[in-house]
Amino acid sequence: MIIRKINDDVSIACEGYSNSRAWGHIARCIYRGREIEQARARYYNRTWERYTYESVMLGLVDKLDKTKAIPLEDRLAMYQNIKA
């Protein structure tokens, strides 16, 4: 598990999983010590990602934009941290 600290309030916890048919990544948004949202990316066969966990973290930010579960400034900080 990798935890990326965005600021004092927000962190992203990422981990991988696999089974007999596919593998993937899970990203969880931790806001002030609580899990707010999670996103999953499932990959088949030879899927390749340039940066580990990037697509699942971007999916997480997209879900947070739709639900507005955390403030806008924290969502922007997450996006900027992922793209840096």
N, C-alpha and C. Protein backbone atom coordinates (compact mmCIF):
# COMPACT_ATOMS: atom_id res chain seq x y z
N MET A 1 0.85 -1.18 0.00
CA MET A 1 0.00 0.00 0.00
C MET A 1 0.89 1.24 0.00
N ILE A 2 0.52 2.18 -0.83
CA ILE A 2 1.23 3.45 -0.90
C ILE A 2 0.27 4.54 -0.45
N ILE A 3 0.73 5.42 0.43
CA ILE A 3 -0.09 6.54 0.87
C ILE A 3 0.59 7.82 0.42
N ARG A 4 -0.15 8.60 -0.37
CA ARG A 4 0.35 9.89 -0.85
C ARG A 4 -0.35 11.00 -0.09
N LYS A 5 0.42 11.76 0.69
CA LYS A 5 -0.15 12.85 1.48
C LYS A 5 -0.24 14.09 0.59
N ILE A 6 -1.44 14.63 0.48
CA ILE A 6 -1.68 15.80 -0.37
C ILE A 6 -1.48 17.08 0.44
N ASN A 7 -2.16 17.17 1.57
CA ASN A 7 -1.99 18.28 2.52
C ASN A 7 -2.34 17.76 3.91
N ASP A 8 -2.54 18.64 4.88
CA ASP A 8 -2.83 18.20 6.25
C ASP A 8 -4.15 17.45 6.36
N ASP A 9 -5.10 17.73 5.47
CA ASP A 9 -6.43 17.12 5.56
C ASP A 9 -6.62 15.90 4.66
N VAL A 10 -5.93 15.84 3.53
CA VAL A 10 -6.22 14.84 2.51
C VAL A 10 -5.02 13.95 2.22
N SER A 11 -5.29 12.65 2.09
CA SER A 11 -4.31 11.67 1.64
C SER A 11 -4.99 10.72 0.68
N ILE A 12 -4.19 10.09 -0.18
CA ILE A 12 -4.70 9.05 -1.08
C ILE A 12 -3.95 7.77 -0.78
N ALA A 13 -4.69 6.72 -0.47
CA ALA A 13 -4.11 5.40 -0.22
C ALA A 13 -4.36 4.53 -1.44
N CYS A 14 -3.29 3.99 -2.01
CA CYS A 14 -3.39 3.17 -3.22
C CYS A 14 -2.85 1.77 -2.96
N GLU A 15 -3.51 0.79 -3.54
CA GLU A 15 -3.03 -0.58 -3.44
C GLU A 15 -3.43 -1.35 -4.68
N GLY A 16 -2.76 -2.46 -4.90
CA GLY A 16 -3.06 -3.31 -6.03
C GLY A 16 -3.72 -4.60 -5.58
N TYR A 17 -4.40 -5.26 -6.49
CA TYR A 17 -5.01 -6.55 -6.21
C TYR A 17 -4.92 -7.41 -7.46
N SER A 18 -5.04 -8.70 -7.29
CA SER A 18 -5.07 -9.60 -8.44
C SER A 18 -5.86 -10.85 -8.09
N ASN A 19 -6.43 -11.43 -9.12
CA ASN A 19 -7.10 -12.72 -8.99
C ASN A 19 -6.80 -13.51 -10.26
N SER A 20 -7.49 -14.60 -10.47
CA SER A 20 -7.16 -15.46 -11.60
C SER A 20 -7.55 -14.87 -12.96
N ARG A 21 -8.43 -13.89 -12.99
CA ARG A 21 -8.90 -13.35 -14.26
C ARG A 21 -8.35 -11.97 -14.61
N ALA A 22 -8.03 -11.17 -13.61
CA ALA A 22 -7.59 -9.80 -13.87
C ALA A 22 -6.80 -9.29 -12.68
N TRP A 23 -6.30 -8.08 -12.84
CA TRP A 23 -5.63 -7.40 -11.74
C TRP A 23 -6.03 -5.94 -11.79
N GLY A 24 -5.74 -5.20 -10.75
CA GLY A 24 -6.15 -3.80 -10.77
C GLY A 24 -5.59 -3.02 -9.61
N HIS A 25 -6.04 -1.78 -9.56
CA HIS A 25 -5.63 -0.84 -8.52
C HIS A 25 -6.87 -0.28 -7.82
N ILE A 26 -6.71 0.03 -6.55
CA ILE A 26 -7.75 0.67 -5.76
C ILE A 26 -7.14 1.91 -5.13
N ALA A 27 -7.84 3.04 -5.22
CA ALA A 27 -7.41 4.28 -4.57
C ALA A 27 -8.52 4.74 -3.63
N ARG A 28 -8.13 5.13 -2.43
CA ARG A 28 -9.09 5.61 -1.43
C ARG A 28 -8.71 7.02 -1.01
N CYS A 29 -9.71 7.90 -0.92
CA CYS A 29 -9.50 9.25 -0.43
C CYS A 29 -9.72 9.26 1.08
N ILE A 30 -8.71 9.68 1.81
CA ILE A 30 -8.81 9.79 3.26
C ILE A 30 -8.81 11.28 3.60
N TYR A 31 -9.95 11.74 4.12
CA TYR A 31 -10.13 13.15 4.45
C TYR A 31 -10.33 13.27 5.95
N ARG A 32 -9.40 13.94 6.59
CA ARG A 32 -9.42 14.14 8.05
C ARG A 32 -9.58 12.82 8.81
N GLY A 33 -8.85 11.80 8.35
CA GLY A 33 -8.82 10.52 9.03
C GLY A 33 -9.92 9.54 8.68
N ARG A 34 -10.85 9.93 7.80
CA ARG A 34 -11.94 9.04 7.40
C ARG A 34 -11.86 8.75 5.91
N GLU A 35 -12.25 7.54 5.53
CA GLU A 35 -12.31 7.21 4.12
C GLU A 35 -13.59 7.81 3.54
N ILE A 36 -13.45 8.65 2.53
CA ILE A 36 -14.59 9.36 1.94
C ILE A 36 -15.09 8.65 0.69
N GLU A 37 -14.17 8.27 -0.18
CA GLU A 37 -14.54 7.71 -1.48
C GLU A 37 -13.46 6.75 -1.93
N GLN A 38 -13.80 5.83 -2.82
CA GLN A 38 -12.80 4.95 -3.40
C GLN A 38 -13.09 4.76 -4.87
N ALA A 39 -12.03 4.48 -5.63
CA ALA A 39 -12.15 4.21 -7.06
C ALA A 39 -11.33 2.96 -7.37
N ARG A 40 -11.81 2.21 -8.35
CA ARG A 40 -11.13 0.98 -8.76
C ARG A 40 -10.86 1.04 -10.26
N ALA A 41 -9.74 0.48 -10.65
CA ALA A 41 -9.42 0.29 -12.06
C ALA A 41 -9.07 -1.17 -12.24
N ARG A 42 -9.75 -1.84 -13.14
CA ARG A 42 -9.52 -3.26 -13.38
C ARG A 42 -8.82 -3.40 -14.73
N TYR A 43 -7.75 -4.14 -14.73
CA TYR A 43 -6.95 -4.31 -15.94
C TYR A 43 -6.98 -5.78 -16.35
N TYR A 44 -6.96 -5.99 -17.64
CA TYR A 44 -6.95 -7.33 -18.20
C TYR A 44 -5.64 -7.53 -18.95
N ASN A 45 -5.13 -8.73 -18.88
CA ASN A 45 -4.03 -9.15 -19.71
C ASN A 45 -2.82 -8.24 -19.63
N ARG A 46 -2.48 -7.55 -20.71
CA ARG A 46 -1.23 -6.80 -20.79
C ARG A 46 -1.42 -5.30 -20.70
N THR A 47 -2.34 -4.85 -19.94
CA THR A 47 -2.54 -3.42 -19.80
C THR A 47 -1.31 -2.81 -19.14
N TRP A 48 -0.91 -1.65 -19.63
CA TRP A 48 0.28 -1.00 -19.13
C TRP A 48 -0.06 0.44 -18.77
N GLU A 49 0.51 0.90 -17.68
CA GLU A 49 0.25 2.25 -17.22
C GLU A 49 1.59 2.97 -17.09
N ARG A 50 1.67 4.17 -17.60
CA ARG A 50 2.93 4.90 -17.58
C ARG A 50 3.38 5.19 -16.15
N TYR A 51 2.47 5.67 -15.32
CA TYR A 51 2.78 5.94 -13.92
C TYR A 51 1.85 5.09 -13.06
N THR A 52 2.42 4.37 -12.13
CA THR A 52 1.64 3.48 -11.28
C THR A 52 0.58 4.25 -10.52
N TYR A 53 -0.65 3.76 -10.56
CA TYR A 53 -1.82 4.29 -9.86
C TYR A 53 -2.36 5.61 -10.43
N GLU A 54 -1.77 6.17 -11.48
CA GLU A 54 -2.23 7.47 -11.96
C GLU A 54 -3.68 7.45 -12.44
N SER A 55 -4.05 6.48 -13.25
CA SER A 55 -5.41 6.48 -13.80
C SER A 55 -6.46 6.25 -12.72
N VAL A 56 -6.17 5.42 -11.72
CA VAL A 56 -7.15 5.20 -10.66
C VAL A 56 -7.26 6.43 -9.75
N MET A 57 -6.16 7.15 -9.54
CA MET A 57 -6.23 8.38 -8.74
C MET A 57 -7.00 9.47 -9.47
N LEU A 58 -6.83 9.57 -10.78
CA LEU A 58 -7.60 10.54 -11.55
C LEU A 58 -9.08 10.18 -11.53
N GLY A 59 -9.39 8.90 -11.58
CA GLY A 59 -10.79 8.46 -11.46
C GLY A 59 -11.37 8.81 -10.10
N LEU A 60 -10.55 8.73 -9.07
CA LEU A 60 -10.99 9.10 -7.72
C LEU A 60 -11.31 10.59 -7.65
N VAL A 61 -10.46 11.42 -8.22
CA VAL A 61 -10.72 12.87 -8.23
C VAL A 61 -11.98 13.17 -9.02
N ASP A 62 -12.20 12.46 -10.12
CA ASP A 62 -13.41 12.64 -10.91
C ASP A 62 -14.66 12.30 -10.09
N LYS A 63 -14.62 11.20 -9.34
CA LYS A 63 -15.76 10.83 -8.48
C LYS A 63 -15.99 11.89 -7.41
N LEU A 64 -14.90 12.41 -6.85
CA LEU A 64 -15.04 13.44 -5.81
C LEU A 64 -15.60 14.74 -6.39
N ASP A 65 -15.27 15.04 -7.65
CA ASP A 65 -15.85 16.23 -8.29
C ASP A 65 -17.36 16.09 -8.46
N LYS A 66 -17.81 14.89 -8.75
CA LYS A 66 -19.25 14.67 -8.93
C LYS A 66 -20.01 14.73 -7.61
N THR A 67 -19.43 14.15 -6.56
CA THR A 67 -20.13 14.11 -5.27
C THR A 67 -19.88 15.34 -4.42
N LYS A 68 -18.79 16.07 -4.71
CA LYS A 68 -18.40 17.25 -3.92
C LYS A 68 -18.30 16.92 -2.43
N ALA A 69 -17.70 15.77 -2.14
CA ALA A 69 -17.58 15.29 -0.76
C ALA A 69 -16.52 16.04 0.03
N ILE A 70 -15.54 16.62 -0.67
CA ILE A 70 -14.52 17.41 0.01
C ILE A 70 -14.45 18.77 -0.68
N PRO A 71 -13.87 19.78 -0.02
CA PRO A 71 -13.82 21.13 -0.61
C PRO A 71 -13.04 21.18 -1.94
N LEU A 72 -13.38 22.16 -2.75
CA LEU A 72 -12.78 22.33 -4.07
C LEU A 72 -11.27 22.50 -3.98
N GLU A 73 -10.78 23.26 -3.03
CA GLU A 73 -9.34 23.50 -2.94
C GLU A 73 -8.57 22.19 -2.68
N ASP A 74 -9.17 21.29 -1.93
CA ASP A 74 -8.52 20.00 -1.69
C ASP A 74 -8.56 19.12 -2.94
N ARG A 75 -9.65 19.17 -3.70
CA ARG A 75 -9.73 18.40 -4.95
C ARG A 75 -8.71 18.92 -5.96
N LEU A 76 -8.56 20.24 -6.03
CA LEU A 76 -7.56 20.81 -6.93
C LEU A 76 -6.15 20.42 -6.51
N ALA A 77 -5.88 20.42 -5.22
CA ALA A 77 -4.57 20.00 -4.71
C ALA A 77 -4.29 18.55 -5.06
N MET A 78 -5.32 17.71 -4.98
CA MET A 78 -5.15 16.30 -5.36
C MET A 78 -4.78 16.19 -6.83
N TYR A 79 -5.51 16.88 -7.68
CA TYR A 79 -5.26 16.81 -9.12
C TYR A 79 -3.85 17.30 -9.45
N GLN A 80 -3.46 18.41 -8.86
CA GLN A 80 -2.13 18.97 -9.13
C GLN A 80 -1.02 18.03 -8.64
N ASN A 81 -1.26 17.36 -7.52
CA ASN A 81 -0.28 16.44 -6.98
C ASN A 81 -0.14 15.21 -7.88
N ILE A 82 -1.22 14.74 -8.45
CA ILE A 82 -1.18 13.58 -9.32
C ILE A 82 -0.44 13.91 -10.62
N LYS A 83 -0.72 15.06 -11.18
CA LYS A 83 -0.12 15.45 -12.46
C LYS A 83 1.31 15.96 -12.33
N ALA A 84 1.80 16.19 -11.13
CA ALA A 84 3.16 16.73 -10.95
C ALA A 84 4.23 15.72 -11.25
